[in-house]
Structures are given as structure tokens and as C-alpha cells.
Amino acid sequence: MRYTRSGGQTVAGPRAQFTGTVQVDGVRNPDEQSAIGCAHVRFSPGARTAWHHHPKGQTLYVTDGIGLVATRDGGVQEIRPGDVVYIEPGEEHWHGATPDRYMAHIAMQEADENGQVVTWLEHVTDEEYRA
């Protein structure tokens, strides 16, 4: 068993990967013992990720607020506390808060054989977000 004491730093979501105010608390990074990466991510109203995809997929567990998750095919789904979203490997998507509510989720993803957990793409435009 490995125990990690609480007390890590909350960091701002990088502007290259997020629009708006986003705070990230890392839970674990993939390492030699497990390929799982995990973070608790909090989005202010209107904040969102850029388009991205994961080589082994991603699972989101919504902890607070009301959010949105969308795919390239135009499907947008509202997400609420307790909802679990599984995004298929390679599926381009984004997720974030609704325009008038914050949202927080636990994001879990597995690294591939090269240690890659995510490929970031372009920002979601305001028009895409409002659709």
C-alpha cells in the first residue's frame, strides 16, 4: 500500500488547454505501478477544456454543479452531480461548466504504452460552446 498525504497544490488550468477559470487538483499521475491518471477539476461558469482526445478513453465523475460534455458530431449532454461519462478512446470531445453554473468533476484516464494520456487540440469557439 502507498499512502499520499493531502496537501498538494491547486494549479490553474493552463490557458493553452482551457478557456476561462479552471482549477486542477492532481490526484495521481501514471507511474511504473499504475497507468491511471486522475485529477479533480473545477470549472467556473463558462469555463471549458479545449477539444482533446485520450488514447485509452476517459471517465468523468461529476461531483458538483452543472456542466456540459460534447463530441465532434455535435452531441452535447448536460451533466450533473453523480453522473458518470465514459468517452471512447480517440473520441474528440470537450467538457466544462454551463454559462451560469460552476461544475467540478473527477477525470480519470489511462496512459498508453508511451505514457500518453491526452492529445490537446484547438480551443472550443464561443459558437461551438453556445450550440
N, C-alpha and C. Protein backbone atom coordinates (compact mmCIF):
# COMPACT_ATOMS: atom_id res chain seq x y z
N MET A 1 0.85 -1.17 0.00
CA MET A 1 0.00 0.00 0.00
C MET A 1 0.89 1.23 0.00
N ARG A 2 0.45 2.22 -0.76
CA ARG A 2 1.14 3.51 -0.75
C ARG A 2 0.13 4.58 -0.34
N TYR A 3 0.49 5.38 0.63
CA TYR A 3 -0.37 6.42 1.16
C TYR A 3 0.22 7.77 0.80
N THR A 4 -0.61 8.65 0.22
CA THR A 4 -0.16 10.00 -0.10
C THR A 4 -0.95 10.98 0.75
N ARG A 5 -0.27 11.73 1.57
CA ARG A 5 -0.92 12.69 2.45
C ARG A 5 -1.47 13.87 1.64
N SER A 6 -2.62 14.35 2.03
CA SER A 6 -3.23 15.51 1.41
C SER A 6 -2.32 16.71 1.55
N GLY A 7 -2.44 17.65 0.65
CA GLY A 7 -1.68 18.88 0.78
C GLY A 7 -1.03 19.33 -0.51
N GLY A 8 -1.32 18.64 -1.62
CA GLY A 8 -0.77 19.08 -2.90
C GLY A 8 -1.33 20.43 -3.30
N GLN A 9 -0.69 21.06 -4.26
CA GLN A 9 -1.09 22.39 -4.71
C GLN A 9 -2.24 22.33 -5.72
N THR A 10 -3.15 23.28 -5.59
CA THR A 10 -4.14 23.52 -6.63
C THR A 10 -3.46 24.39 -7.67
N VAL A 11 -3.60 24.03 -8.94
CA VAL A 11 -2.98 24.81 -10.01
C VAL A 11 -4.05 25.29 -10.98
N ALA A 12 -3.77 26.41 -11.61
CA ALA A 12 -4.67 26.94 -12.64
C ALA A 12 -4.57 26.07 -13.88
N GLY A 13 -5.72 25.81 -14.50
CA GLY A 13 -5.71 25.10 -15.77
C GLY A 13 -4.98 25.92 -16.82
N PRO A 14 -4.01 25.32 -17.51
CA PRO A 14 -3.22 26.08 -18.49
C PRO A 14 -4.09 26.70 -19.58
N ARG A 15 -3.81 27.96 -19.92
CA ARG A 15 -4.57 28.68 -20.96
C ARG A 15 -4.52 27.99 -22.31
N ALA A 16 -3.46 27.24 -22.58
CA ALA A 16 -3.37 26.52 -23.86
C ALA A 16 -4.39 25.40 -23.95
N GLN A 17 -4.91 24.95 -22.80
CA GLN A 17 -5.81 23.80 -22.79
C GLN A 17 -7.20 24.11 -22.26
N PHE A 18 -7.39 25.30 -21.69
CA PHE A 18 -8.67 25.65 -21.09
C PHE A 18 -9.06 27.08 -21.44
N THR A 19 -10.36 27.32 -21.52
CA THR A 19 -10.92 28.66 -21.66
C THR A 19 -11.61 28.99 -20.35
N GLY A 20 -11.35 30.17 -19.80
CA GLY A 20 -11.97 30.56 -18.54
C GLY A 20 -11.14 30.12 -17.34
N THR A 21 -11.72 30.29 -16.16
CA THR A 21 -11.02 29.97 -14.93
C THR A 21 -11.26 28.51 -14.55
N VAL A 22 -10.17 27.76 -14.49
CA VAL A 22 -10.23 26.33 -14.17
C VAL A 22 -9.15 26.04 -13.13
N GLN A 23 -9.51 25.28 -12.11
CA GLN A 23 -8.57 24.89 -11.06
C GLN A 23 -8.44 23.37 -11.07
N VAL A 24 -7.20 22.89 -10.95
CA VAL A 24 -6.93 21.45 -11.04
C VAL A 24 -6.18 20.99 -9.79
N ASP A 25 -6.71 19.97 -9.15
CA ASP A 25 -6.03 19.28 -8.06
C ASP A 25 -5.66 17.90 -8.58
N GLY A 26 -4.37 17.65 -8.71
CA GLY A 26 -3.92 16.34 -9.15
C GLY A 26 -4.19 15.30 -8.09
N VAL A 27 -4.67 14.14 -8.49
CA VAL A 27 -4.88 13.03 -7.57
C VAL A 27 -3.75 12.02 -7.73
N ARG A 28 -3.46 11.65 -8.98
CA ARG A 28 -2.33 10.77 -9.24
C ARG A 28 -1.93 10.88 -10.70
N ASN A 29 -0.65 10.68 -10.96
CA ASN A 29 -0.12 10.61 -12.31
C ASN A 29 0.25 9.16 -12.61
N PRO A 30 0.15 8.76 -13.88
CA PRO A 30 0.59 7.41 -14.22
C PRO A 30 2.06 7.21 -13.82
N ASP A 31 2.38 6.03 -13.36
CA ASP A 31 3.76 5.72 -12.99
C ASP A 31 4.03 4.24 -13.26
N GLU A 32 5.14 3.74 -12.75
CA GLU A 32 5.53 2.36 -13.02
C GLU A 32 4.59 1.35 -12.36
N GLN A 33 3.80 1.78 -11.38
CA GLN A 33 2.89 0.87 -10.69
C GLN A 33 1.48 0.85 -11.28
N SER A 34 1.05 1.97 -11.89
CA SER A 34 -0.30 2.05 -12.44
C SER A 34 -0.34 3.06 -13.58
N ALA A 35 -1.07 2.73 -14.63
CA ALA A 35 -1.20 3.62 -15.78
C ALA A 35 -2.31 4.65 -15.60
N ILE A 36 -2.98 4.63 -14.46
CA ILE A 36 -4.11 5.53 -14.24
C ILE A 36 -3.64 6.91 -13.82
N GLY A 37 -4.22 7.93 -14.47
CA GLY A 37 -4.05 9.32 -14.08
C GLY A 37 -5.40 9.85 -13.64
N CYS A 38 -5.41 10.76 -12.68
CA CYS A 38 -6.67 11.23 -12.13
C CYS A 38 -6.49 12.65 -11.59
N ALA A 39 -7.52 13.48 -11.77
CA ALA A 39 -7.49 14.85 -11.23
C ALA A 39 -8.91 15.28 -10.88
N HIS A 40 -9.00 16.18 -9.89
CA HIS A 40 -10.27 16.83 -9.57
C HIS A 40 -10.20 18.21 -10.22
N VAL A 41 -11.13 18.49 -11.13
CA VAL A 41 -11.08 19.71 -11.94
C VAL A 41 -12.34 20.53 -11.67
N ARG A 42 -12.14 21.83 -11.37
CA ARG A 42 -13.25 22.73 -11.09
C ARG A 42 -13.30 23.83 -12.14
N PHE A 43 -14.47 24.00 -12.74
CA PHE A 43 -14.68 24.97 -13.82
C PHE A 43 -15.61 26.08 -13.34
N SER A 44 -15.21 27.35 -13.50
CA SER A 44 -16.09 28.48 -13.24
C SER A 44 -17.13 28.55 -14.37
N PRO A 45 -18.24 29.27 -14.15
CA PRO A 45 -19.24 29.38 -15.21
C PRO A 45 -18.61 29.78 -16.55
N GLY A 46 -18.96 29.05 -17.60
CA GLY A 46 -18.46 29.31 -18.94
C GLY A 46 -17.09 28.72 -19.24
N ALA A 47 -16.39 28.23 -18.24
CA ALA A 47 -15.06 27.65 -18.47
C ALA A 47 -15.18 26.26 -19.08
N ARG A 48 -14.17 25.89 -19.85
CA ARG A 48 -14.22 24.60 -20.55
C ARG A 48 -12.83 24.19 -21.00
N THR A 49 -12.73 22.91 -21.36
CA THR A 49 -11.49 22.40 -21.94
C THR A 49 -11.43 22.80 -23.40
N ALA A 50 -10.25 22.64 -23.99
CA ALA A 50 -10.12 22.67 -25.45
C ALA A 50 -10.58 21.31 -25.96
N TRP A 51 -10.75 21.20 -27.26
CA TRP A 51 -11.01 19.90 -27.86
C TRP A 51 -9.82 19.00 -27.52
N HIS A 52 -10.06 17.74 -27.27
CA HIS A 52 -8.99 16.80 -26.97
C HIS A 52 -9.49 15.37 -27.11
N HIS A 53 -8.56 14.44 -27.05
CA HIS A 53 -8.92 13.01 -27.03
C HIS A 53 -7.90 12.24 -26.22
N HIS A 54 -8.28 11.03 -25.82
CA HIS A 54 -7.45 10.18 -24.96
C HIS A 54 -7.22 8.83 -25.64
N PRO A 55 -5.98 8.34 -25.65
CA PRO A 55 -5.69 7.09 -26.35
C PRO A 55 -6.39 5.88 -25.74
N LYS A 56 -6.67 5.92 -24.44
CA LYS A 56 -7.32 4.79 -23.77
C LYS A 56 -8.70 5.18 -23.22
N GLY A 57 -9.23 6.31 -23.68
CA GLY A 57 -10.52 6.77 -23.20
C GLY A 57 -10.40 7.57 -21.91
N GLN A 58 -11.55 8.06 -21.44
CA GLN A 58 -11.59 8.86 -20.22
C GLN A 58 -12.92 8.64 -19.52
N THR A 59 -12.89 8.64 -18.19
CA THR A 59 -14.10 8.59 -17.39
C THR A 59 -14.18 9.86 -16.57
N LEU A 60 -15.35 10.50 -16.59
CA LEU A 60 -15.61 11.69 -15.79
C LEU A 60 -16.67 11.33 -14.75
N TYR A 61 -16.44 11.74 -13.51
CA TYR A 61 -17.42 11.59 -12.44
C TYR A 61 -17.72 13.00 -11.93
N VAL A 62 -18.95 13.46 -12.15
CA VAL A 62 -19.33 14.83 -11.79
C VAL A 62 -19.58 14.89 -10.28
N THR A 63 -18.89 15.83 -9.60
CA THR A 63 -19.02 15.96 -8.16
C THR A 63 -19.89 17.14 -7.73
N ASP A 64 -19.93 18.21 -8.52
CA ASP A 64 -20.66 19.42 -8.14
C ASP A 64 -21.09 20.19 -9.38
N GLY A 65 -22.16 20.98 -9.21
CA GLY A 65 -22.56 21.92 -10.25
C GLY A 65 -23.25 21.28 -11.43
N ILE A 66 -23.29 22.05 -12.52
CA ILE A 66 -23.92 21.60 -13.77
C ILE A 66 -22.95 21.88 -14.90
N GLY A 67 -22.73 20.89 -15.74
CA GLY A 67 -21.76 21.05 -16.81
C GLY A 67 -22.28 20.53 -18.14
N LEU A 68 -21.37 20.57 -19.11
CA LEU A 68 -21.65 20.09 -20.46
C LEU A 68 -20.49 19.23 -20.92
N VAL A 69 -20.80 18.23 -21.71
CA VAL A 69 -19.78 17.44 -22.40
C VAL A 69 -20.26 17.30 -23.84
N ALA A 70 -19.34 17.47 -24.79
CA ALA A 70 -19.73 17.47 -26.20
C ALA A 70 -18.71 16.70 -27.04
N THR A 71 -19.20 16.16 -28.14
CA THR A 71 -18.35 15.45 -29.10
C THR A 71 -18.38 16.17 -30.43
N ARG A 72 -17.45 15.81 -31.31
CA ARG A 72 -17.34 16.47 -32.63
C ARG A 72 -18.58 16.29 -33.47
N ASP A 73 -19.34 15.22 -33.26
CA ASP A 73 -20.53 15.00 -34.08
C ASP A 73 -21.67 15.93 -33.69
N GLY A 74 -21.42 16.83 -32.73
CA GLY A 74 -22.43 17.81 -32.35
C GLY A 74 -23.26 17.40 -31.16
N GLY A 75 -23.02 16.22 -30.62
CA GLY A 75 -23.78 15.81 -29.45
C GLY A 75 -23.32 16.53 -28.21
N VAL A 76 -24.25 17.25 -27.53
CA VAL A 76 -23.96 17.94 -26.28
C VAL A 76 -24.87 17.36 -25.21
N GLN A 77 -24.28 17.02 -24.06
CA GLN A 77 -25.04 16.43 -22.97
C GLN A 77 -24.83 17.25 -21.71
N GLU A 78 -25.93 17.58 -21.01
CA GLU A 78 -25.80 18.22 -19.71
C GLU A 78 -25.41 17.17 -18.70
N ILE A 79 -24.49 17.52 -17.77
CA ILE A 79 -24.06 16.59 -16.75
C ILE A 79 -24.23 17.21 -15.38
N ARG A 80 -24.60 16.36 -14.40
CA ARG A 80 -24.91 16.81 -13.05
C ARG A 80 -24.23 15.91 -12.02
N PRO A 81 -24.20 16.33 -10.75
CA PRO A 81 -23.54 15.52 -9.72
C PRO A 81 -24.01 14.07 -9.71
N GLY A 82 -23.06 13.17 -9.62
CA GLY A 82 -23.34 11.74 -9.63
C GLY A 82 -23.31 11.12 -11.01
N ASP A 83 -23.37 11.94 -12.07
CA ASP A 83 -23.30 11.40 -13.43
C ASP A 83 -21.90 10.88 -13.72
N VAL A 84 -21.84 9.80 -14.47
CA VAL A 84 -20.58 9.22 -14.93
C VAL A 84 -20.61 9.23 -16.45
N VAL A 85 -19.55 9.77 -17.06
CA VAL A 85 -19.45 9.83 -18.51
C VAL A 85 -18.21 9.06 -18.93
N TYR A 86 -18.37 8.12 -19.86
CA TYR A 86 -17.21 7.43 -20.43
C TYR A 86 -17.03 7.92 -21.86
N ILE A 87 -15.85 8.41 -22.17
CA ILE A 87 -15.51 8.88 -23.51
C ILE A 87 -14.60 7.83 -24.15
N GLU A 88 -14.99 7.36 -25.32
CA GLU A 88 -14.26 6.29 -26.00
C GLU A 88 -12.84 6.70 -26.38
N PRO A 89 -11.92 5.76 -26.49
CA PRO A 89 -10.57 6.07 -26.95
C PRO A 89 -10.60 6.78 -28.30
N GLY A 90 -9.84 7.87 -28.39
CA GLY A 90 -9.73 8.62 -29.64
C GLY A 90 -10.90 9.53 -29.94
N GLU A 91 -11.96 9.52 -29.14
CA GLU A 91 -13.14 10.37 -29.41
C GLU A 91 -12.83 11.82 -29.05
N GLU A 92 -12.90 12.72 -30.02
CA GLU A 92 -12.64 14.14 -29.78
C GLU A 92 -13.83 14.74 -29.05
N HIS A 93 -13.53 15.46 -27.96
CA HIS A 93 -14.59 15.99 -27.10
C HIS A 93 -14.07 17.18 -26.30
N TRP A 94 -14.99 17.83 -25.61
CA TRP A 94 -14.66 18.86 -24.62
C TRP A 94 -15.66 18.75 -23.48
N HIS A 95 -15.32 19.33 -22.33
CA HIS A 95 -16.24 19.37 -21.20
C HIS A 95 -15.96 20.61 -20.37
N GLY A 96 -17.00 21.07 -19.67
CA GLY A 96 -16.85 22.26 -18.85
C GLY A 96 -18.16 22.63 -18.19
N ALA A 97 -18.18 23.84 -17.61
CA ALA A 97 -19.36 24.33 -16.89
C ALA A 97 -20.37 24.93 -17.87
N THR A 98 -21.61 25.02 -17.42
CA THR A 98 -22.61 25.74 -18.19
C THR A 98 -22.31 27.24 -18.06
N PRO A 99 -22.96 28.08 -18.87
CA PRO A 99 -22.67 29.52 -18.81
C PRO A 99 -22.96 30.18 -17.46
N ASP A 100 -23.89 29.62 -16.69
CA ASP A 100 -24.29 30.29 -15.45
C ASP A 100 -24.09 29.47 -14.18
N ARG A 101 -23.40 28.34 -14.29
CA ARG A 101 -23.14 27.49 -13.11
C ARG A 101 -21.71 26.97 -13.15
N TYR A 102 -21.12 26.77 -12.00
CA TYR A 102 -19.82 26.11 -11.96
C TYR A 102 -20.04 24.60 -12.09
N MET A 103 -18.98 23.86 -12.33
CA MET A 103 -19.04 22.40 -12.39
C MET A 103 -17.69 21.85 -11.97
N ALA A 104 -17.72 20.74 -11.25
CA ALA A 104 -16.49 20.05 -10.87
C ALA A 104 -16.65 18.57 -11.19
N HIS A 105 -15.55 17.96 -11.62
CA HIS A 105 -15.57 16.52 -11.85
C HIS A 105 -14.21 15.90 -11.53
N ILE A 106 -14.25 14.61 -11.32
CA ILE A 106 -13.04 13.80 -11.23
C ILE A 106 -12.82 13.26 -12.64
N ALA A 107 -11.63 13.48 -13.20
CA ALA A 107 -11.29 12.98 -14.54
C ALA A 107 -10.27 11.86 -14.37
N MET A 108 -10.58 10.70 -14.96
CA MET A 108 -9.71 9.54 -14.87
C MET A 108 -9.38 9.05 -16.27
N GLN A 109 -8.11 8.81 -16.52
CA GLN A 109 -7.69 8.33 -17.83
C GLN A 109 -6.46 7.44 -17.65
N GLU A 110 -6.27 6.55 -18.61
CA GLU A 110 -5.16 5.60 -18.56
C GLU A 110 -4.11 5.98 -19.61
N ALA A 111 -2.85 5.92 -19.21
CA ALA A 111 -1.76 6.19 -20.15
C ALA A 111 -1.59 5.02 -21.10
N ASP A 112 -1.20 5.32 -22.34
CA ASP A 112 -0.89 4.25 -23.29
C ASP A 112 0.54 3.77 -23.04
N GLU A 113 1.03 2.89 -23.90
CA GLU A 113 2.36 2.28 -23.73
C GLU A 113 3.50 3.31 -23.80
N ASN A 114 3.21 4.50 -24.34
CA ASN A 114 4.21 5.58 -24.40
C ASN A 114 4.06 6.59 -23.27
N GLY A 115 3.14 6.35 -22.35
CA GLY A 115 2.90 7.26 -21.24
C GLY A 115 1.96 8.41 -21.57
N GLN A 116 1.39 8.40 -22.76
CA GLN A 116 0.49 9.47 -23.23
C GLN A 116 -0.91 9.27 -22.64
N VAL A 117 -1.49 10.34 -22.05
CA VAL A 117 -2.86 10.25 -21.53
C VAL A 117 -3.84 11.13 -22.30
N VAL A 118 -3.34 12.15 -23.00
CA VAL A 118 -4.22 13.08 -23.69
C VAL A 118 -3.49 13.73 -24.86
N THR A 119 -4.25 14.04 -25.91
CA THR A 119 -3.77 14.86 -27.02
C THR A 119 -4.67 16.08 -27.07
N TRP A 120 -4.08 17.25 -26.86
CA TRP A 120 -4.84 18.50 -26.87
C TRP A 120 -4.91 19.05 -28.29
N LEU A 121 -6.08 19.61 -28.62
CA LEU A 121 -6.34 20.18 -29.94
C LEU A 121 -6.68 21.67 -29.77
N GLU A 122 -7.43 22.23 -30.71
CA GLU A 122 -7.74 23.65 -30.68
C GLU A 122 -8.81 23.97 -29.62
N HIS A 123 -8.88 25.26 -29.28
CA HIS A 123 -9.89 25.71 -28.32
C HIS A 123 -11.29 25.58 -28.91
N VAL A 124 -12.25 25.37 -28.03
CA VAL A 124 -13.66 25.37 -28.39
C VAL A 124 -14.06 26.82 -28.61
N THR A 125 -14.63 27.13 -29.76
CA THR A 125 -15.04 28.51 -30.03
C THR A 125 -16.29 28.85 -29.22
N ASP A 126 -16.55 30.14 -29.05
CA ASP A 126 -17.78 30.55 -28.36
C ASP A 126 -19.01 30.04 -29.10
N GLU A 127 -18.96 29.99 -30.43
CA GLU A 127 -20.09 29.49 -31.20
C GLU A 127 -20.31 28.01 -30.94
N GLU A 128 -19.26 27.22 -30.89
CA GLU A 128 -19.38 25.79 -30.58
C GLU A 128 -19.93 25.60 -29.17
N TYR A 129 -19.45 26.41 -28.24
CA TYR A 129 -19.88 26.30 -26.85
C TYR A 129 -21.37 26.63 -26.71
N ARG A 130 -21.82 27.67 -27.37
CA ARG A 130 -23.22 28.08 -27.27
C ARG A 130 -24.16 27.13 -28.00
N ALA A 131 -23.64 26.36 -28.95
CA ALA A 131 -24.50 25.41 -29.69
C ALA A 131 -24.95 24.33 -28.75
